[in-house]
């Protein structure tokens, strides 16, 4: 064993293939390999796992950006952090934030689109996961919030932007948080402290005010191609998020029980919805001659809908029907929920069917019950 803490003692070491080792703790060693050319050398950490009897190594570089008398301290600090990481079940492999996101993006198409814009070109991408701290994530979030959001992604003409709202930031953070949580499960990082609070969703205080009445919705459906009209009609008859409707498969609807299973939604938990009347008839028409795994609402080419697929047709339909230009697929969900609230259906049932919380329904739609409350108060007259 050698004393690597002294600059003078390190300078007396002869270059050799096997590093000179200094014990930091039981099963934890710091190594130093003198350079064959010039002064200095590289540092290595070695860990011994008594259960697996493995002796993983980690090359840490030469710390050449530091003065000679600071290098031992810096090397031992990094080595101890790695030892602690391994002791808590962490992976032997050191992964950067970008690498963790790339692994997650392989199985998530939405993340694969978002990460190149929000993560890969950001300074946080180069941070190694064991060294990720809360200030890194908070600074990333601040930079994300400062980025203007594109209103249109059309390559033709001038691109229109707007300030990024808290709701938009929340959506952008979902995939990033999921990628870090997946890295945590793989043992590439042993704690979620760096992002647990830093990526907590902000409260979206804005109320959705754009409402399309039934005549406006009929006008929109009349202007849409057949496949897009079927998808939009589904949003008019079911209070689902567009993404949840697009994820439905033919096997999710039981025509004998008139029961629709919604398993893939932002809400996370699966739920079953009992349908009747026009809604049941619409779903029965959609499942005709389809295999269980086929999309319940399919595009003309047989593929499932996605945001890039429905956005264009609905935008053109809105223009053709002379509706407010801000109307989107989500406006149809909002309008459907609005109708349910105004019809007097209790908020708990609306929340359960639409896949959200009662608090969220109250926040965005509670004001619609004022007329009902006023009528109820008037009925109290003696």
Protein backbone atom coordinates (compact mmCIF):
# COMPACT_ATOMS: atom_id res chain seq x y z
CA UNK A 1 0.00 0.00 0.00
CA UNK A 2 1.13 3.53 -0.77
CA UNK A 3 0.55 6.97 0.66
CA UNK A 4 -1.02 8.78 -2.28
CA UNK A 5 -2.03 11.87 -0.32
CA UNK A 6 1.41 13.44 -0.61
CA UNK A 7 2.53 15.05 -3.86
CA UNK A 8 6.14 14.25 -3.02
CA UNK A 9 5.42 10.56 -2.39
CA UNK A 10 3.49 10.28 -5.68
CA UNK A 11 6.41 11.82 -7.58
CA UNK A 12 8.70 9.05 -6.31
CA UNK A 13 6.49 6.28 -7.74
CA UNK A 14 7.76 4.55 -10.86
CA UNK A 15 5.40 4.10 -13.83
CA UNK A 16 3.90 0.60 -14.01
CA UNK A 17 0.84 -1.13 -15.37
CA UNK A 18 -0.64 -2.02 -11.97
CA UNK A 19 -1.83 1.08 -10.07
CA UNK A 20 -0.46 1.93 -6.65
CA UNK A 21 -3.26 1.44 -4.14
CA UNK A 22 -4.25 3.17 -0.93
CA UNK A 23 -6.98 1.73 1.28
CA UNK A 24 -9.74 4.21 2.14
CA UNK A 25 -12.02 1.76 3.98
CA UNK A 26 -12.77 -1.95 4.05
CA UNK A 27 -13.21 -3.06 0.44
CA UNK A 28 -12.61 0.48 -0.85
CA UNK A 29 -9.36 1.44 -2.54
CA UNK A 30 -8.02 4.48 -4.36
CA UNK A 31 -5.44 3.80 -7.06
CA UNK A 32 -2.88 5.95 -8.85
CA UNK A 33 -1.03 5.14 -12.06
CA UNK A 34 1.92 7.52 -12.70
CA UNK A 35 2.25 8.88 -16.21
CA UNK A 36 5.09 7.55 -18.36
CA UNK A 37 5.37 10.96 -20.00
CA UNK A 38 5.79 14.01 -17.81
CA UNK A 39 4.34 14.54 -14.33
CA UNK A 40 1.01 13.50 -12.90
CA UNK A 41 -0.99 10.37 -13.45
CA UNK A 42 -4.48 8.89 -13.54
CA UNK A 43 -6.69 7.90 -10.64
CA UNK A 44 -8.73 4.70 -10.27
CA UNK A 45 -11.29 3.55 -7.72
CA UNK A 46 -11.67 -0.13 -6.80
CA UNK A 47 -14.54 -1.63 -4.83
CA UNK A 48 -14.88 -5.10 -3.35
CA UNK A 49 -18.35 -6.60 -3.02
CA UNK A 50 -18.19 -9.45 -0.47
CA UNK A 51 -21.48 -10.97 -1.69
CA UNK A 52 -20.61 -11.26 -5.38
CA UNK A 53 -16.83 -11.16 -4.79
CA UNK A 54 -16.61 -8.76 -7.71
CA UNK A 55 -13.96 -6.03 -7.83
CA UNK A 56 -15.32 -3.33 -10.14
CA UNK A 57 -12.99 -0.52 -11.20
CA UNK A 58 -13.74 3.06 -12.16
CA UNK A 59 -11.30 5.24 -14.09
CA UNK A 60 -11.58 8.84 -12.87
CA UNK A 61 -9.04 10.67 -15.00
CA UNK A 62 -6.05 12.77 -13.97
CA UNK A 63 -7.80 15.77 -12.35
CA UNK A 64 -5.35 17.87 -14.32
CA UNK A 65 -7.52 20.97 -13.95
CA UNK A 66 -6.56 21.06 -10.26
CA UNK A 67 -3.25 21.89 -8.54
CA UNK A 68 -1.17 18.87 -7.59
CA UNK A 69 -1.96 19.24 -3.88
CA UNK A 70 -5.73 19.19 -4.53
CA UNK A 71 -5.91 16.08 -6.69
CA UNK A 72 -5.85 13.43 -3.97
CA UNK A 73 -8.74 15.08 -2.14
CA UNK A 74 -10.81 15.39 -5.33
CA UNK A 75 -10.08 11.80 -6.37
CA UNK A 76 -10.90 10.34 -2.95
CA UNK A 77 -14.15 12.35 -2.80
CA UNK A 78 -15.30 11.04 -6.19
CA UNK A 79 -14.23 7.52 -5.24
CA UNK A 80 -16.18 7.63 -1.96
CA UNK A 81 -19.31 8.84 -3.80
CA UNK A 82 -19.00 5.89 -6.17
CA UNK A 83 -18.45 3.48 -3.29
CA UNK A 84 -21.58 4.79 -1.59
CA UNK A 85 -23.51 4.44 -4.86
CA UNK A 86 -22.47 0.78 -5.16
CA UNK A 87 -23.13 0.08 -1.48
CA UNK A 88 -26.76 1.16 -1.94
CA UNK A 89 -27.28 -1.22 -4.85
CA UNK A 90 -26.25 1.15 -7.61
CA UNK A 91 -25.08 0.01 -11.03
CA UNK A 92 -21.36 -0.34 -11.71
CA UNK A 93 -21.91 1.58 -14.94
CA UNK A 94 -21.80 5.37 -14.77
CA UNK A 95 -24.55 6.83 -16.94
CA UNK A 96 -25.16 10.44 -17.93
CA UNK A 97 -28.57 12.10 -17.95
CA UNK A 98 -28.59 11.97 -21.74
CA UNK A 99 -27.81 8.25 -21.81
CA UNK A 100 -30.61 7.57 -19.32
CA UNK A 101 -33.04 9.57 -21.46
CA UNK A 102 -31.93 7.81 -24.65
CA UNK A 103 -32.62 4.43 -23.07
CA UNK A 104 -36.09 5.53 -22.02
CA UNK A 105 -36.80 7.10 -25.42
CA UNK A 106 -36.25 3.76 -27.18
CA UNK A 107 -39.61 2.58 -25.89
CA UNK A 108 -41.46 5.91 -25.74
CA UNK A 109 -42.19 7.76 -28.98
CA UNK A 110 -43.29 10.95 -27.24
CA UNK A 111 -40.06 11.13 -25.26
CA UNK A 112 -38.05 10.50 -28.42
CA UNK A 113 -39.58 13.68 -29.89
CA UNK A 114 -39.23 15.85 -26.78
CA UNK A 115 -35.74 14.98 -25.54
CA UNK A 116 -33.80 16.33 -28.57
CA UNK A 117 -35.48 19.72 -28.01
CA UNK A 118 -35.39 19.94 -24.20
CA UNK A 119 -32.63 17.65 -22.87
CA UNK A 120 -29.90 16.60 -25.30
CA UNK A 121 -28.82 20.16 -26.15
CA UNK A 122 -29.03 21.31 -22.52
CA UNK A 123 -26.07 21.35 -20.08
CA UNK A 124 -27.86 18.81 -17.87
CA UNK A 125 -27.39 16.13 -20.54
CA UNK A 126 -23.69 15.75 -19.68
CA UNK A 127 -24.21 15.40 -15.92
CA UNK A 128 -23.51 11.91 -14.60
CA UNK A 129 -26.49 10.49 -12.73
CA UNK A 130 -24.66 9.81 -9.45
CA UNK A 131 -23.61 13.49 -9.47
CA UNK A 132 -27.04 14.85 -10.37
CA UNK A 133 -28.21 17.36 -7.75
CA UNK A 134 -31.42 19.27 -7.20
CA UNK A 135 -29.91 22.55 -8.41
CA UNK A 136 -29.10 20.91 -11.78
CA UNK A 137 -32.72 19.93 -12.26
CA UNK A 138 -34.16 23.23 -11.04
CA UNK A 139 -31.87 25.16 -13.39
CA UNK A 140 -32.95 22.90 -16.27
CA UNK A 141 -36.58 23.57 -15.41
CA UNK A 142 -35.98 27.33 -15.39
CA UNK A 143 -34.36 27.13 -18.82
CA UNK A 144 -37.29 25.05 -20.10
CA UNK A 145 -39.80 27.57 -18.78
CA UNK A 146 -37.92 30.37 -20.53
CA UNK A 147 -38.13 28.63 -23.92
CA UNK A 148 -40.99 29.91 -26.11
CA UNK A 149 -43.56 27.28 -27.06
CA UNK A 150 -44.34 26.78 -30.73
CA UNK A 151 -47.97 27.41 -31.64
CA UNK A 152 -47.41 25.90 -35.08
CA UNK A 153 -44.68 23.49 -36.20
CA UNK A 154 -45.37 23.99 -39.89
CA UNK A 155 -42.14 24.36 -41.84
CA UNK A 156 -43.87 26.72 -44.25
CA UNK A 157 -44.27 30.36 -43.32
CA UNK A 158 -43.35 32.13 -40.12
CA UNK A 159 -43.36 30.06 -36.94
CA UNK A 160 -45.63 31.45 -34.24
CA UNK A 161 -44.60 31.14 -30.59
CA UNK A 162 -46.05 31.99 -27.20
CA UNK A 163 -44.73 32.04 -23.63
CA UNK A 164 -44.54 28.55 -22.18
CA UNK A 165 -47.35 28.12 -19.65
CA UNK A 166 -47.07 26.08 -16.42
CA UNK A 167 -49.36 23.45 -17.97
CA UNK A 168 -47.04 23.13 -20.97
CA UNK A 169 -43.98 22.84 -18.71
CA UNK A 170 -45.78 20.12 -16.75
CA UNK A 171 -46.33 18.11 -19.94
CA UNK A 172 -42.72 18.60 -21.01
CA UNK A 173 -41.46 17.36 -17.63
CA UNK A 174 -43.46 14.13 -17.66
CA UNK A 175 -41.12 12.22 -19.98
CA UNK A 176 -37.99 13.57 -18.27
CA UNK A 177 -39.26 12.52 -14.84
CA UNK A 178 -40.19 9.08 -16.20
CA UNK A 179 -36.70 8.62 -17.69
CA UNK A 180 -35.03 9.46 -14.36
CA UNK A 181 -37.40 7.16 -12.47
CA UNK A 182 -36.56 4.35 -14.89
CA UNK A 183 -32.85 4.97 -14.29
CA UNK A 184 -33.55 4.73 -10.56
CA UNK A 185 -35.17 1.31 -11.06
CA UNK A 186 -32.14 0.15 -13.04
CA UNK A 187 -29.82 1.20 -10.21
CA UNK A 188 -28.03 3.84 -12.29
CA UNK A 189 -28.86 6.29 -9.52
CA UNK A 190 -29.84 5.34 -5.97
CA UNK A 191 -32.03 8.26 -4.94
CA UNK A 192 -34.72 10.47 -6.47
CA UNK A 193 -33.86 13.42 -4.23
CA UNK A 194 -32.40 15.39 -7.14
CA UNK A 195 -35.73 15.54 -8.99
CA UNK A 196 -38.44 14.62 -6.48
CA UNK A 197 -39.23 18.25 -5.64
CA UNK A 198 -37.55 19.95 -8.59
CA UNK A 199 -39.88 18.23 -11.08
CA UNK A 200 -43.03 18.53 -9.01
CA UNK A 201 -45.84 19.68 -11.36
CA UNK A 202 -46.80 23.33 -11.11
CA UNK A 203 -50.41 24.17 -10.49
CA UNK A 204 -52.04 25.08 -13.78
CA UNK A 205 -54.39 27.84 -12.69
CA UNK A 206 -55.76 28.77 -16.08
CA UNK A 207 -59.38 27.84 -16.78
CA UNK A 208 -60.33 26.42 -20.17
CA UNK A 209 -62.89 28.86 -21.53
CA UNK A 210 -63.22 27.84 -25.17
CA UNK A 211 -66.42 25.88 -25.52
CA UNK A 212 -68.03 24.56 -28.70
CA UNK A 213 -71.78 24.07 -28.52
CA UNK A 214 -73.45 21.08 -30.16
CA UNK A 215 -74.15 22.89 -33.43
CA UNK A 216 -70.50 23.94 -33.68
CA UNK A 217 -69.35 20.40 -33.01
CA UNK A 218 -71.69 19.05 -35.68
CA UNK A 219 -70.33 21.63 -38.10
CA UNK A 220 -66.78 20.50 -37.35
CA UNK A 221 -67.62 16.82 -37.89
CA UNK A 222 -69.19 17.66 -41.24
CA UNK A 223 -65.94 19.22 -42.45
CA UNK A 224 -63.65 16.37 -41.43
CA UNK A 225 -62.55 13.35 -43.50
CA UNK A 226 -64.38 10.15 -42.60
CA UNK A 227 -61.63 8.71 -40.39
CA UNK A 228 -60.98 11.99 -38.55
CA UNK A 229 -64.71 12.57 -38.15
CA UNK A 230 -65.08 9.19 -36.41
CA UNK A 231 -62.22 10.04 -34.04
CA UNK A 232 -63.61 13.52 -33.30
CA UNK A 233 -67.09 12.08 -32.74
CA UNK A 234 -65.58 9.77 -30.17
CA UNK A 235 -64.27 12.84 -28.33
CA UNK A 236 -67.74 14.39 -28.53
CA UNK A 237 -69.43 11.35 -26.99
CA UNK A 238 -66.78 10.30 -24.48
CA UNK A 239 -65.02 12.69 -22.04
CA UNK A 240 -61.61 11.14 -22.72
CA UNK A 241 -58.28 12.76 -23.46
CA UNK A 242 -57.41 12.52 -27.16
CA UNK A 243 -54.39 10.35 -26.35
CA UNK A 244 -56.51 7.94 -24.30
CA UNK A 245 -59.07 7.64 -27.11
CA UNK A 246 -56.31 7.00 -29.65
CA UNK A 247 -54.83 4.24 -27.45
CA UNK A 248 -58.06 2.24 -27.32
CA UNK A 249 -58.15 -1.13 -29.05
CA UNK A 250 -61.15 -2.97 -30.43
CA UNK A 251 -60.81 -5.53 -27.64
CA UNK A 252 -61.29 -2.80 -25.03
CA UNK A 253 -65.00 -2.57 -25.87
CA UNK A 254 -67.38 -5.36 -24.86
CA UNK A 255 -70.45 -4.97 -27.10
CA UNK A 256 -72.48 -7.47 -25.04
CA UNK A 257 -72.10 -5.50 -21.83
CA UNK A 258 -71.75 -2.10 -23.48
CA UNK A 259 -68.61 -1.66 -21.39
CA UNK A 260 -65.47 0.23 -22.42
CA UNK A 261 -62.16 -0.44 -20.65
CA UNK A 262 -59.77 2.53 -20.59
CA UNK A 263 -56.37 1.19 -19.56
CA UNK A 264 -53.95 3.67 -21.14
CA UNK A 265 -54.44 7.22 -19.95
CA UNK A 266 -52.63 10.04 -18.21
CA UNK A 267 -54.61 9.11 -15.07
CA UNK A 268 -52.62 5.87 -14.85
CA UNK A 269 -55.29 3.65 -13.29
CA UNK A 270 -57.53 1.68 -15.60
CA UNK A 271 -61.27 2.22 -15.47
CA UNK A 272 -64.40 0.82 -17.09
CA UNK A 273 -67.19 2.96 -18.51
CA UNK A 274 -70.75 1.77 -19.13
CA UNK A 275 -72.16 3.30 -22.32
CA UNK A 276 -75.61 3.45 -23.86
CA UNK A 277 -77.52 5.07 -26.74
CA UNK A 278 -75.54 6.83 -29.46
CA UNK A 279 -72.24 6.19 -27.70
CA UNK A 280 -72.80 2.43 -27.57
CA UNK A 281 -73.96 2.41 -31.20
CA UNK A 282 -70.85 4.35 -32.25
CA UNK A 283 -68.50 1.94 -30.49
CA UNK A 284 -70.27 -1.12 -31.90
CA UNK A 285 -69.86 0.34 -35.36
CA UNK A 286 -66.14 0.90 -34.73
CA UNK A 287 -65.40 -2.69 -33.63
CA UNK A 288 -67.08 -4.33 -36.62
CA UNK A 289 -64.75 -6.75 -38.42
CA UNK A 290 -61.77 -5.72 -36.26
CA UNK A 291 -59.37 -7.97 -34.41
CA UNK A 292 -59.04 -7.26 -30.66
CA UNK A 293 -55.58 -5.69 -31.07
CA UNK A 294 -56.65 -3.33 -33.86
CA UNK A 295 -57.11 0.39 -33.05
CA UNK A 296 -60.69 1.10 -32.01
CA UNK A 297 -60.47 4.42 -33.88
CA UNK A 298 -58.19 3.95 -36.87
CA UNK A 299 -56.87 6.27 -39.53
CA UNK A 300 -57.64 5.56 -43.17
CA UNK A 301 -54.40 3.55 -43.43
CA UNK A 302 -55.39 1.38 -40.46
CA UNK A 303 -52.88 2.90 -38.06
CA UNK A 304 -53.76 4.33 -34.65
CA UNK A 305 -54.18 8.06 -34.27
CA UNK A 306 -51.54 10.22 -32.62
CA UNK A 307 -51.16 13.95 -31.97
CA UNK A 308 -49.38 14.57 -35.27
CA UNK A 309 -52.13 12.69 -37.07
CA UNK A 310 -55.25 14.37 -35.67
CA UNK A 311 -53.84 17.89 -35.29
CA UNK A 312 -53.82 18.76 -39.01
CA UNK A 313 -57.30 17.52 -39.99
CA UNK A 314 -58.96 19.12 -36.97
CA UNK A 315 -57.19 22.41 -37.60
CA UNK A 316 -58.37 22.45 -41.22
CA UNK A 317 -61.87 21.42 -40.15
CA UNK A 318 -62.01 24.25 -37.62
CA UNK A 319 -61.11 26.74 -40.36
CA UNK A 320 -63.61 25.26 -42.82
CA UNK A 321 -66.42 25.32 -40.23
CA UNK A 322 -65.52 28.92 -39.32
CA UNK A 323 -65.01 28.06 -35.66
CA UNK A 324 -62.67 29.84 -33.21
CA UNK A 325 -59.16 29.16 -34.48
CA UNK A 326 -57.95 28.16 -31.00
CA UNK A 327 -60.22 25.08 -31.03
CA UNK A 328 -58.35 21.76 -30.83
CA UNK A 329 -59.07 18.10 -30.19
CA UNK A 330 -58.83 18.86 -26.46
CA UNK A 331 -61.55 21.50 -26.88
CA UNK A 332 -63.97 18.67 -27.72
CA UNK A 333 -63.15 16.92 -24.43
CA UNK A 334 -63.60 20.19 -22.55
CA UNK A 335 -66.94 20.80 -24.26
CA UNK A 336 -68.13 17.28 -23.45
CA UNK A 337 -67.24 17.63 -19.77
CA UNK A 338 -68.92 21.04 -19.71
CA UNK A 339 -72.15 19.47 -20.99
CA UNK A 340 -72.02 16.78 -18.30
CA UNK A 341 -71.56 19.39 -15.56
CA UNK A 342 -74.37 21.55 -16.87
CA UNK A 343 -76.62 18.50 -17.15
CA UNK A 344 -76.33 18.10 -13.39
CA UNK A 345 -74.20 14.93 -13.24
CA UNK A 346 -72.31 14.83 -9.94
CA UNK A 347 -68.68 15.87 -10.09
CA UNK A 348 -67.37 12.60 -8.61
CA UNK A 349 -68.89 10.56 -11.44
CA UNK A 350 -67.62 13.03 -14.04
CA UNK A 351 -64.13 12.81 -12.56
CA UNK A 352 -64.19 9.00 -12.57
CA UNK A 353 -65.44 8.74 -16.15
CA UNK A 354 -63.06 11.38 -17.54
CA UNK A 355 -60.04 10.05 -15.64
CA UNK A 356 -59.19 13.04 -13.48
CA UNK A 357 -59.64 14.21 -9.90
CA UNK A 358 -62.68 15.85 -8.35
CA UNK A 359 -60.43 18.75 -7.36
CA UNK A 360 -59.47 19.29 -11.00
CA UNK A 361 -63.11 19.17 -12.13
CA UNK A 362 -64.07 21.65 -9.42
CA UNK A 363 -61.20 23.97 -10.36
CA UNK A 364 -62.04 24.09 -14.06
CA UNK A 365 -65.78 23.47 -14.13
CA UNK A 366 -67.16 24.25 -10.69
CA UNK A 367 -68.16 27.74 -11.81
CA UNK A 368 -70.69 26.16 -14.19
CA UNK A 369 -72.79 25.02 -11.24
CA UNK A 370 -73.60 28.58 -10.16
CA UNK A 371 -76.95 28.59 -11.96
CA UNK A 372 -77.91 25.30 -10.35
CA UNK A 373 -76.86 26.66 -6.96
CA UNK A 374 -78.86 29.83 -7.54
CA UNK A 375 -81.97 27.82 -8.48
CA UNK A 376 -81.54 25.64 -5.41
CA UNK A 377 -81.25 28.71 -3.16
CA UNK A 378 -84.34 30.23 -4.75
CA UNK A 379 -86.27 27.07 -3.94
CA UNK A 380 -85.55 27.59 -0.25
CA UNK A 381 -87.97 30.55 -0.10
CA UNK A 382 -90.73 30.10 2.52
